[in-house]
């Protein structure tokens, strides 16, 4: 188990040892014998002798068997966190279990490498035509009129709030059960975050609590987080926003590919934001996007992330701003990843559909819900159990990486110690949630290993 933001990645095994272990994984690590597949030996699009490898179709989904030589990024509630340092395998001083199934597995193949190479050769490496193309394609994917590419997901939230006119004296209702960036962006815009408790099954904003908080604090906006890839209750939240005359911003950092009543999330409110951190359903390394149907909002966001500049290439600065721009290299990667996103989301859903029927029968384990009309994108497959530590130990022994996203609700963090309120549903969820691997890189055997380890842990507790 990896608390968000902690420097505690499981150890990575040298490639030579990894290949040897493909043939025989010691029983002590909870592994199972695996056969070496020579087709899996291509490293980043090249064969072992250095010759160009055979590229996989852009929409393909990998079902790899051995991942222990691949590190995965440190992650937190929204997937942002420091790089994790490797440690020694179990059995050595200070050792930990060896991970065979990581919690996240970002994919970069020859298509991404070639796209970046083309940008480098063009010389247009900063903001440029490649970024405009990515914005257009992402807006089209979401069904939005406009998209503004930015440096990361936190910046996307900040820019969206600034573009909507949220600032000093405003209060914005949001969830206490998310990565801290959701609330920090509100403060960076000069406004004050006020929290409403969450629904115990979806972990997203509880509509009744949200309405009450909007009225109590005379809020100017609602910032709804689509957590773990599941859309919030957008019917209820859009109704509240209209009836209470407040703005609605969607934090879709974890919800690429999620839909509500068949429509992509991020397009129901006044603006939506996305993150492209490596643990997300698609990545640009670092990056983010603001989407909106309002041209004026898009123009203000684009100006704000470019030093407050107005007019292409001009030195006219009509407002304060920042350098929050996306690079052309990141945009090039994003365009390739966006082509693959539908297949990757489909694979995540298939993995979840394999896990849920098995785990639903495990005593003391609650599986993710998918209410009618909501299409889960499964950024994370997050279960709930009051015996989390015992389950983590069993999964560790089987080589399955896990993570606790939002182990501390925002209102209990040091930066928010001034918040003198309790949110019991969010606080209990933080004590019981556990995310399991669900990414497209899982093989069917991986999914069986995860489900089996959870089941055996429950049997041992009976």
Protein backbone atom coordinates (compact mmCIF):
# COMPACT_ATOMS: atom_id res chain seq x y z
CA UNK A 1 0.00 0.00 0.00
CA UNK A 2 1.30 3.43 -0.94
CA UNK A 3 -0.06 6.49 0.90
CA UNK A 4 -0.43 9.32 -1.54
CA UNK A 5 2.71 11.33 -2.11
CA UNK A 6 4.97 9.13 0.02
CA UNK A 7 8.35 8.08 -1.33
CA UNK A 8 7.73 4.37 -1.08
CA UNK A 9 7.62 2.64 -4.43
CA UNK A 10 8.09 -1.11 -4.42
CA UNK A 11 11.51 -2.29 -5.62
CA UNK A 12 12.30 -2.58 -9.28
CA UNK A 13 14.15 -5.68 -10.35
CA UNK A 14 17.06 -5.47 -12.82
CA UNK A 15 16.04 -6.48 -16.34
CA UNK A 16 18.27 -9.56 -16.37
CA UNK A 17 16.75 -10.84 -13.15
CA UNK A 18 13.30 -9.95 -14.38
CA UNK A 19 13.69 -12.09 -17.50
CA UNK A 20 14.99 -14.98 -15.49
CA UNK A 21 12.04 -14.65 -13.12
CA UNK A 22 9.59 -14.81 -16.02
CA UNK A 23 10.43 -18.49 -16.24
CA UNK A 24 10.10 -19.17 -12.54
CA UNK A 25 8.78 -16.82 -9.87
CA UNK A 26 9.70 -18.02 -6.35
CA UNK A 27 6.71 -19.17 -4.35
CA UNK A 28 7.83 -16.99 -1.45
CA UNK A 29 6.87 -13.89 -3.40
CA UNK A 30 3.40 -15.22 -4.06
CA UNK A 31 4.17 -15.41 -7.77
CA UNK A 32 3.22 -18.06 -10.29
CA UNK A 33 5.34 -19.61 -13.06
CA UNK A 34 5.31 -17.58 -16.23
CA UNK A 35 6.56 -18.38 -19.68
CA UNK A 36 8.77 -16.00 -21.53
CA UNK A 37 7.07 -14.59 -24.61
CA UNK A 38 9.72 -13.46 -27.12
CA UNK A 39 7.23 -11.00 -28.59
CA UNK A 40 7.36 -9.08 -25.30
CA UNK A 41 11.09 -8.41 -25.44
CA UNK A 42 10.95 -5.29 -27.53
CA UNK A 43 12.16 -2.33 -25.50
CA UNK A 44 10.55 1.00 -26.44
CA UNK A 45 10.05 0.04 -30.06
CA UNK A 46 13.45 -1.57 -30.65
CA UNK A 47 14.64 -5.15 -30.71
CA UNK A 48 17.33 -6.50 -28.41
CA UNK A 49 19.97 -6.07 -31.15
CA UNK A 50 19.10 -2.38 -31.49
CA UNK A 51 17.23 -2.65 -34.77
CA UNK A 52 13.84 -0.93 -35.09
CA UNK A 53 11.08 -3.00 -33.56
CA UNK A 54 7.70 -3.71 -35.07
CA UNK A 55 5.36 -0.98 -33.97
CA UNK A 56 2.03 -1.91 -32.44
CA UNK A 57 -1.10 -0.32 -33.93
CA UNK A 58 -1.95 2.96 -32.25
CA UNK A 59 -5.14 1.67 -30.76
CA UNK A 60 -3.71 -1.57 -29.45
CA UNK A 61 -3.87 -2.69 -25.84
CA UNK A 62 -0.91 -4.47 -24.32
CA UNK A 63 -1.37 -7.58 -22.22
CA UNK A 64 2.13 -7.87 -20.85
CA UNK A 65 3.27 -10.54 -18.45
CA UNK A 66 6.32 -9.16 -16.70
CA UNK A 67 6.45 -5.61 -15.45
CA UNK A 68 8.91 -5.75 -12.60
CA UNK A 69 11.62 -3.88 -14.46
CA UNK A 70 9.23 -0.99 -15.12
CA UNK A 71 8.89 1.64 -12.42
CA UNK A 72 5.61 3.44 -11.97
CA UNK A 73 5.13 7.02 -10.85
CA UNK A 74 4.37 7.95 -7.28
CA UNK A 75 0.72 8.89 -7.16
CA UNK A 76 -1.76 10.62 -4.97
CA UNK A 77 -5.45 11.29 -5.08
CA UNK A 78 -5.26 12.92 -8.48
CA UNK A 79 -2.15 11.01 -9.51
CA UNK A 80 0.33 13.79 -8.76
CA UNK A 81 3.30 12.90 -6.57
CA UNK A 82 7.06 12.71 -6.41
CA UNK A 83 9.07 9.99 -8.09
CA UNK A 84 9.54 7.02 -5.83
CA UNK A 85 12.94 5.55 -5.01
CA UNK A 86 13.48 1.81 -5.48
CA UNK A 87 14.33 -0.33 -2.47
CA UNK A 88 15.77 -3.79 -2.04
CA UNK A 89 13.74 -7.00 -2.59
CA UNK A 90 12.28 -8.82 0.38
CA UNK A 91 14.86 -10.97 2.08
CA UNK A 92 17.54 -8.28 2.04
CA UNK A 93 18.04 -5.68 4.79
CA UNK A 94 15.20 -3.17 4.61
CA UNK A 95 13.59 -5.15 1.82
CA UNK A 96 9.95 -5.08 0.69
CA UNK A 97 7.84 -7.36 -1.52
CA UNK A 98 8.70 -7.39 -5.21
CA UNK A 99 5.91 -5.93 -7.33
CA UNK A 100 4.83 -7.97 -10.34
CA UNK A 101 1.56 -6.10 -10.89
CA UNK A 102 1.95 -2.31 -10.48
CA UNK A 103 -0.89 0.04 -9.60
CA UNK A 104 -0.20 2.11 -12.73
CA UNK A 105 1.61 1.38 -15.99
CA UNK A 106 1.86 4.32 -18.41
CA UNK A 107 2.41 3.38 -22.05
CA UNK A 108 4.95 5.08 -24.30
CA UNK A 109 5.73 3.34 -27.58
CA UNK A 110 7.31 4.11 -30.93
CA UNK A 111 4.42 6.31 -32.04
CA UNK A 112 4.98 8.70 -29.14
CA UNK A 113 8.74 8.71 -29.73
CA UNK A 114 8.28 9.51 -33.41
CA UNK A 115 5.76 12.26 -32.65
CA UNK A 116 8.19 13.95 -30.27
CA UNK A 117 11.04 13.51 -32.76
CA UNK A 118 9.02 15.33 -35.42
CA UNK A 119 8.40 18.23 -33.06
CA UNK A 120 12.07 18.47 -32.12
CA UNK A 121 13.10 18.44 -35.76
CA UNK A 122 10.59 21.19 -36.55
CA UNK A 123 12.14 23.52 -33.99
CA UNK A 124 8.65 24.52 -32.72
CA UNK A 125 9.09 23.04 -29.26
CA UNK A 126 7.20 25.53 -27.08
CA UNK A 127 3.61 26.66 -27.63
CA UNK A 128 2.80 26.22 -31.30
CA UNK A 129 0.75 24.49 -34.01
CA UNK A 130 1.03 21.06 -32.37
CA UNK A 131 -0.62 22.42 -29.23
CA UNK A 132 -3.45 23.96 -31.28
CA UNK A 133 -4.02 20.61 -33.01
CA UNK A 134 -4.16 18.79 -29.68
CA UNK A 135 -6.62 21.34 -28.31
CA UNK A 136 -8.87 20.92 -31.34
CA UNK A 137 -8.79 17.12 -31.19
CA UNK A 138 -9.42 17.00 -27.44
CA UNK A 139 -12.33 19.44 -27.70
CA UNK A 140 -13.79 17.26 -30.45
CA UNK A 141 -13.35 14.13 -28.30
CA UNK A 142 -15.21 15.76 -25.40
CA UNK A 143 -17.86 17.35 -27.58
CA UNK A 144 -16.85 20.82 -26.35
CA UNK A 145 -16.59 23.96 -28.43
CA UNK A 146 -13.21 25.00 -27.05
CA UNK A 147 -10.17 23.55 -25.30
CA UNK A 148 -7.11 25.25 -23.81
CA UNK A 149 -3.99 23.14 -23.20
CA UNK A 150 -1.98 23.91 -20.06
CA UNK A 151 1.02 22.65 -18.11
CA UNK A 152 -0.80 20.35 -15.64
CA UNK A 153 -4.13 19.56 -14.04
CA UNK A 154 -3.80 21.96 -11.12
CA UNK A 155 -3.09 24.79 -13.56
CA UNK A 156 -6.18 23.77 -15.53
CA UNK A 157 -8.36 24.22 -12.44
CA UNK A 158 -6.72 27.53 -11.55
CA UNK A 159 -7.06 28.90 -15.08
CA UNK A 160 -10.69 27.79 -15.34
CA UNK A 161 -11.62 29.53 -12.09
CA UNK A 162 -9.79 32.71 -13.11
CA UNK A 163 -11.48 32.67 -16.52
CA UNK A 164 -14.89 32.32 -14.87
CA UNK A 165 -14.23 35.36 -12.69
CA UNK A 166 -13.92 33.47 -9.40
CA UNK A 167 -11.75 35.42 -6.98
CA UNK A 168 -11.42 37.26 -3.70
CA UNK A 169 -14.54 37.17 -1.57
CA UNK A 170 -16.05 34.19 -3.41
CA UNK A 171 -16.75 30.84 -1.82
CA UNK A 172 -16.60 27.64 -3.83
CA UNK A 173 -18.19 24.38 -2.65
CA UNK A 174 -16.09 21.29 -3.21
CA UNK A 175 -15.38 17.85 -1.78
CA UNK A 176 -13.05 17.14 1.14
CA UNK A 177 -12.31 13.72 -0.40
CA UNK A 178 -9.95 14.44 -3.28
CA UNK A 179 -6.36 15.38 -3.89
CA UNK A 180 -5.54 18.72 -2.29
CA UNK A 181 -5.19 20.42 -5.70
CA UNK A 182 -8.98 20.56 -5.99
CA UNK A 183 -9.13 22.92 -3.00
CA UNK A 184 -5.75 24.59 -3.55
CA UNK A 185 -6.78 25.86 -6.98
CA UNK A 186 -9.70 27.67 -5.38
CA UNK A 187 -7.37 29.39 -2.93
CA UNK A 188 -4.87 30.20 -5.69
CA UNK A 189 -7.67 32.05 -7.47
CA UNK A 190 -8.19 34.11 -4.31
CA UNK A 191 -11.45 32.42 -3.32
CA UNK A 192 -12.32 30.29 -0.29
CA UNK A 193 -13.09 26.56 -0.53
CA UNK A 194 -16.00 25.36 1.60
CA UNK A 195 -16.61 21.64 1.88
CA UNK A 196 -19.67 19.44 1.54
CA UNK A 197 -19.68 15.77 2.50
CA UNK A 198 -19.74 12.95 -0.04
CA UNK A 199 -22.04 10.13 -1.04
CA UNK A 200 -20.85 6.94 0.74
CA UNK A 201 -21.11 4.76 -2.38
CA UNK A 202 -19.83 7.01 -5.18
CA UNK A 203 -17.37 9.11 -3.09
CA UNK A 204 -18.48 12.17 -5.07
CA UNK A 205 -20.31 15.24 -3.76
CA UNK A 206 -23.57 14.47 -1.98
CA UNK A 207 -26.17 16.67 -3.72
CA UNK A 208 -28.20 17.40 -0.58
CA UNK A 209 -25.10 18.41 1.36
CA UNK A 210 -23.93 20.48 -1.61
CA UNK A 211 -27.17 22.44 -1.85
CA UNK A 212 -27.15 23.09 1.90
CA UNK A 213 -23.53 24.30 1.77
CA UNK A 214 -24.18 26.56 -1.22
CA UNK A 215 -27.01 28.25 0.67
CA UNK A 216 -25.20 28.41 4.00
CA UNK A 217 -22.12 30.11 2.53
CA UNK A 218 -23.79 32.04 -0.32
CA UNK A 219 -21.35 30.28 -2.64
CA UNK A 220 -20.41 31.52 -6.10
CA UNK A 221 -19.57 28.13 -7.59
CA UNK A 222 -19.49 24.36 -7.16
CA UNK A 223 -16.32 22.44 -8.04
CA UNK A 224 -17.35 18.80 -8.53
CA UNK A 225 -14.71 16.06 -8.70
CA UNK A 226 -15.35 12.93 -10.78
CA UNK A 227 -13.39 10.68 -8.43
CA UNK A 228 -11.62 7.48 -9.51
CA UNK A 229 -13.19 7.84 -12.97
CA UNK A 230 -16.85 7.84 -11.84
CA UNK A 231 -18.95 10.89 -12.78
CA UNK A 232 -20.53 12.83 -9.97
CA UNK A 233 -24.33 13.18 -9.90
CA UNK A 234 -24.45 15.71 -12.71
CA UNK A 235 -28.24 15.80 -13.01
CA UNK A 236 -28.51 16.93 -9.41
CA UNK A 237 -25.48 19.23 -9.46
CA UNK A 238 -26.46 21.04 -12.67
CA UNK A 239 -29.96 21.54 -11.25
CA UNK A 240 -28.51 22.98 -8.04
CA UNK A 241 -26.24 25.28 -10.03
CA UNK A 242 -29.16 26.57 -12.10
CA UNK A 243 -31.58 26.94 -9.20
CA UNK A 244 -29.05 28.60 -6.89
CA UNK A 245 -27.53 30.68 -9.72
CA UNK A 246 -23.95 29.48 -9.18
CA UNK A 247 -21.23 28.34 -11.56
CA UNK A 248 -20.34 24.66 -11.99
CA UNK A 249 -16.78 23.51 -12.66
CA UNK A 250 -16.02 19.83 -13.32
CA UNK A 251 -12.70 18.44 -12.10
CA UNK A 252 -12.35 15.53 -14.51
CA UNK A 253 -8.65 14.91 -13.82
CA UNK A 254 -9.37 11.20 -13.31
CA UNK A 255 -12.27 10.83 -15.71
CA UNK A 256 -10.98 10.73 -19.29
CA UNK A 257 -13.48 8.56 -21.13
CA UNK A 258 -16.18 8.73 -18.44
CA UNK A 259 -19.70 9.57 -19.58
CA UNK A 260 -22.94 10.72 -18.03
CA UNK A 261 -26.11 9.82 -19.94
CA UNK A 262 -23.88 9.06 -22.92
CA UNK A 263 -22.16 12.45 -22.88
CA UNK A 264 -18.48 12.96 -21.99
CA UNK A 265 -17.86 14.52 -18.59
CA UNK A 266 -16.30 17.96 -18.48
CA UNK A 267 -19.01 19.45 -20.70
CA UNK A 268 -21.93 19.78 -18.27
CA UNK A 269 -20.71 22.77 -16.29
CA UNK A 270 -19.38 26.18 -17.21
CA UNK A 271 -15.92 24.62 -17.61
CA UNK A 272 -14.26 21.24 -17.17
CA UNK A 273 -10.64 20.36 -16.49
CA UNK A 274 -8.41 17.34 -17.13
CA UNK A 275 -4.96 16.17 -16.07
CA UNK A 276 -2.46 14.24 -18.19
CA UNK A 277 -0.15 13.03 -15.42
CA UNK A 278 1.44 9.58 -16.12
CA UNK A 279 -1.00 7.64 -13.92
CA UNK A 280 -4.04 9.01 -15.74
CA UNK A 281 -6.05 7.17 -18.41
CA UNK A 282 -3.93 9.04 -20.96
CA UNK A 283 -0.78 11.07 -20.39
CA UNK A 284 1.47 13.74 -21.83
CA UNK A 285 4.02 13.29 -19.02
CA UNK A 286 2.71 16.46 -17.38
CA UNK A 287 -0.16 18.43 -18.81
CA UNK A 288 -3.76 19.52 -18.47
CA UNK A 289 -6.72 20.86 -20.42
CA UNK A 290 -9.60 23.27 -19.87
CA UNK A 291 -12.75 22.61 -21.92
CA UNK A 292 -15.75 24.91 -22.26
CA UNK A 293 -18.54 25.84 -24.66
CA UNK A 294 -18.13 29.54 -23.83
CA UNK A 295 -15.77 31.32 -26.22
CA UNK A 296 -15.19 34.20 -23.80
CA UNK A 297 -14.19 31.78 -21.03
CA UNK A 298 -11.82 29.98 -23.40
CA UNK A 299 -10.25 33.28 -24.49
CA UNK A 300 -9.71 34.40 -20.90
CA UNK A 301 -8.21 31.03 -19.94
CA UNK A 302 -5.88 31.10 -22.95
CA UNK A 303 -4.79 34.62 -22.05
CA UNK A 304 -4.28 33.80 -18.38
CA UNK A 305 -1.96 30.86 -19.09
CA UNK A 306 0.07 33.02 -21.51
CA UNK A 307 1.06 35.95 -19.24
CA UNK A 308 -2.29 37.68 -19.74
CA UNK A 309 -1.45 38.23 -23.38
CA UNK A 310 -4.19 39.08 -25.86
CA UNK A 311 -3.80 38.59 -29.58
CA UNK A 312 -1.58 35.95 -31.16
CA UNK A 313 2.08 36.90 -30.95
CA UNK A 314 1.33 40.35 -29.55
CA UNK A 315 2.82 42.15 -26.56
CA UNK A 316 -0.56 43.38 -25.41
CA UNK A 317 -1.20 42.31 -21.82
CA UNK A 318 -4.65 43.23 -20.54
CA UNK A 319 -4.62 41.14 -17.36
CA UNK A 320 -2.25 39.43 -15.00
CA UNK A 321 -1.30 35.92 -15.98
CA UNK A 322 1.21 33.12 -15.70
CA UNK A 323 3.31 30.98 -18.00
CA UNK A 324 1.12 27.91 -17.69
CA UNK A 325 1.54 26.81 -21.31
CA UNK A 326 1.85 23.25 -22.58
CA UNK A 327 4.91 22.37 -24.67
CA UNK A 328 4.60 21.05 -28.21
CA UNK A 329 6.35 17.82 -27.17
CA UNK A 330 3.66 17.16 -24.57
CA UNK A 331 0.94 17.96 -27.10
CA UNK A 332 2.48 15.55 -29.62
CA UNK A 333 2.38 12.75 -27.05
CA UNK A 334 -1.18 13.71 -26.13
CA UNK A 335 -2.39 13.45 -29.72
CA UNK A 336 -1.06 9.89 -29.99
CA UNK A 337 -2.47 8.92 -26.59
CA UNK A 338 -5.87 10.40 -27.41
CA UNK A 339 -6.18 8.03 -30.39
CA UNK A 340 -5.68 5.08 -28.04
CA UNK A 341 -7.84 6.36 -25.20
CA UNK A 342 -11.11 4.64 -26.23
CA UNK A 343 -9.38 1.25 -26.38
CA UNK A 344 -7.62 1.84 -23.08
CA UNK A 345 -10.85 2.82 -21.32
CA UNK A 346 -12.53 -0.25 -22.82
CA UNK A 347 -9.73 -2.43 -21.43
CA UNK A 348 -10.05 -0.83 -17.98
CA UNK A 349 -13.75 -1.54 -17.98
CA UNK A 350 -13.18 -5.13 -19.07
CA UNK A 351 -10.70 -5.64 -16.24
CA UNK A 352 -13.18 -4.15 -13.77
CA UNK A 353 -15.92 -6.40 -15.12
CA UNK A 354 -13.68 -9.40 -14.45
CA UNK A 355 -12.86 -8.29 -10.91
CA UNK A 356 -16.29 -7.25 -9.68
CA UNK A 357 -18.21 -10.55 -9.96
CA UNK A 358 -15.50 -12.30 -7.94
CA UNK A 359 -14.98 -9.59 -5.33
CA UNK A 360 -18.70 -8.98 -4.79
CA UNK A 361 -18.82 -12.36 -3.06
CA UNK A 362 -15.93 -11.62 -0.70
CA UNK A 363 -17.13 -10.86 2.85
CA UNK A 364 -16.21 -7.41 4.10
CA UNK A 365 -15.37 -6.02 0.64
CA UNK A 366 -17.45 -3.41 -1.20
CA UNK A 367 -16.79 -3.09 -4.93
CA UNK A 368 -17.16 0.09 -7.04
CA UNK A 369 -20.66 1.13 -8.03
CA UNK A 370 -21.81 2.39 -11.41
CA UNK A 371 -25.21 4.08 -11.02
CA UNK A 372 -27.61 4.12 -13.96
CA UNK A 373 -26.58 6.62 -16.59
CA UNK A 374 -22.98 6.87 -15.42
CA UNK A 375 -20.16 5.24 -17.37
CA UNK A 376 -17.16 4.62 -15.12
CA UNK A 377 -13.75 5.15 -16.75
CA UNK A 378 -11.96 3.20 -13.97
CA UNK A 379 -8.98 5.44 -13.49
CA UNK A 380 -8.86 3.43 -10.28
CA UNK A 381 -10.65 0.28 -9.19
CA UNK A 382 -11.34 1.28 -5.60
CA UNK A 383 -12.81 -1.16 -3.12
CA UNK A 384 -13.76 -0.57 0.48
CA UNK A 385 -12.98 -2.73 3.49
CA UNK A 386 -12.67 -2.19 7.25
CA UNK A 387 -9.75 -4.67 7.22
CA UNK A 388 -7.58 -2.76 4.80
CA UNK A 389 -4.17 -3.49 6.32
CA UNK A 390 -4.68 -7.26 6.33
CA UNK A 391 -5.78 -7.16 2.72
CA UNK A 392 -2.78 -5.05 1.73
CA UNK A 393 -0.42 -7.55 3.36
CA UNK A 394 -1.94 -10.42 1.39
CA UNK A 395 -1.75 -8.51 -1.88
CA UNK A 396 1.85 -7.52 -1.12
CA UNK A 397 2.72 -11.18 -0.71
CA UNK A 398 1.19 -11.90 -4.12
CA UNK A 399 3.22 -9.10 -5.71
CA UNK A 400 0.16 -6.89 -6.27
CA UNK A 401 0.71 -3.18 -5.78
CA UNK A 402 -2.07 -1.19 -4.10
CA UNK A 403 -2.60 2.43 -3.16
CA UNK A 404 -4.68 4.50 -0.80
CA UNK A 405 -5.71 7.69 -2.55
CA UNK A 406 -6.76 10.50 -0.20
CA UNK A 407 -5.68 8.79 3.05
CA UNK A 408 -6.32 12.12 4.79
CA UNK A 409 -9.34 14.24 3.84
CA UNK A 410 -8.41 17.76 2.75
CA UNK A 411 -9.99 19.46 5.77
CA UNK A 412 -7.67 17.51 8.09
CA UNK A 413 -4.45 18.49 6.31
CA UNK A 414 -2.15 21.04 7.91
CA UNK A 415 -2.81 23.58 5.18
CA UNK A 416 -6.51 23.44 6.09
CA UNK A 417 -6.33 23.23 9.87
CA UNK A 418 -8.45 26.39 10.03
CA UNK A 419 -11.45 24.36 8.83
CA UNK A 420 -13.36 23.59 12.02
CA UNK A 421 -15.81 21.06 10.62
CA UNK A 422 -16.27 17.32 10.44
CA UNK A 423 -17.29 15.36 7.38
CA UNK A 424 -17.93 11.85 8.72
CA UNK A 425 -18.65 10.13 5.41
CA UNK A 426 -15.43 11.39 3.83
CA UNK A 427 -13.43 10.62 6.98
CA UNK A 428 -14.65 7.04 7.13
CA UNK A 429 -14.04 6.51 3.42
CA UNK A 430 -10.45 7.67 3.86
CA UNK A 431 -9.94 4.93 6.44
CA UNK A 432 -11.39 2.13 4.31
CA UNK A 433 -10.77 2.68 0.58
CA UNK A 434 -8.10 0.73 -1.29
CA UNK A 435 -7.28 0.96 -4.99
CA UNK A 436 -6.30 -2.15 -6.95
CA UNK A 437 -4.62 -2.32 -10.38
CA UNK A 438 -7.06 -2.02 -13.28
CA UNK A 439 -4.91 -0.47 -16.03
CA UNK A 440 -4.85 -1.80 -19.63
CA UNK A 441 -1.47 -3.47 -19.16
CA UNK A 442 -2.99 -6.22 -16.99
CA UNK A 443 -3.16 -9.71 -18.42
CA UNK A 444 -6.08 -12.02 -17.65
CA UNK A 445 -3.73 -13.88 -15.31
CA UNK A 446 -2.97 -10.63 -13.49
CA UNK A 447 -6.66 -10.01 -12.91
CA UNK A 448 -7.08 -13.56 -11.60
CA UNK A 449 -4.13 -13.06 -9.25
CA UNK A 450 -5.63 -9.85 -7.84
CA UNK A 451 -9.07 -11.38 -7.32
CA UNK A 452 -7.63 -14.56 -5.81
CA UNK A 453 -5.44 -12.67 -3.35
CA UNK A 454 -8.40 -10.62 -2.13
CA UNK A 455 -10.50 -13.76 -1.70
CA UNK A 456 -7.78 -15.62 0.22
CA UNK A 457 -7.27 -12.65 2.54
CA UNK A 458 -10.97 -12.70 3.41
CA UNK A 459 -10.91 -16.46 4.05
CA UNK A 460 -8.00 -16.08 6.47
CA UNK A 461 -9.98 -13.56 8.52
CA UNK A 462 -12.97 -15.86 8.95
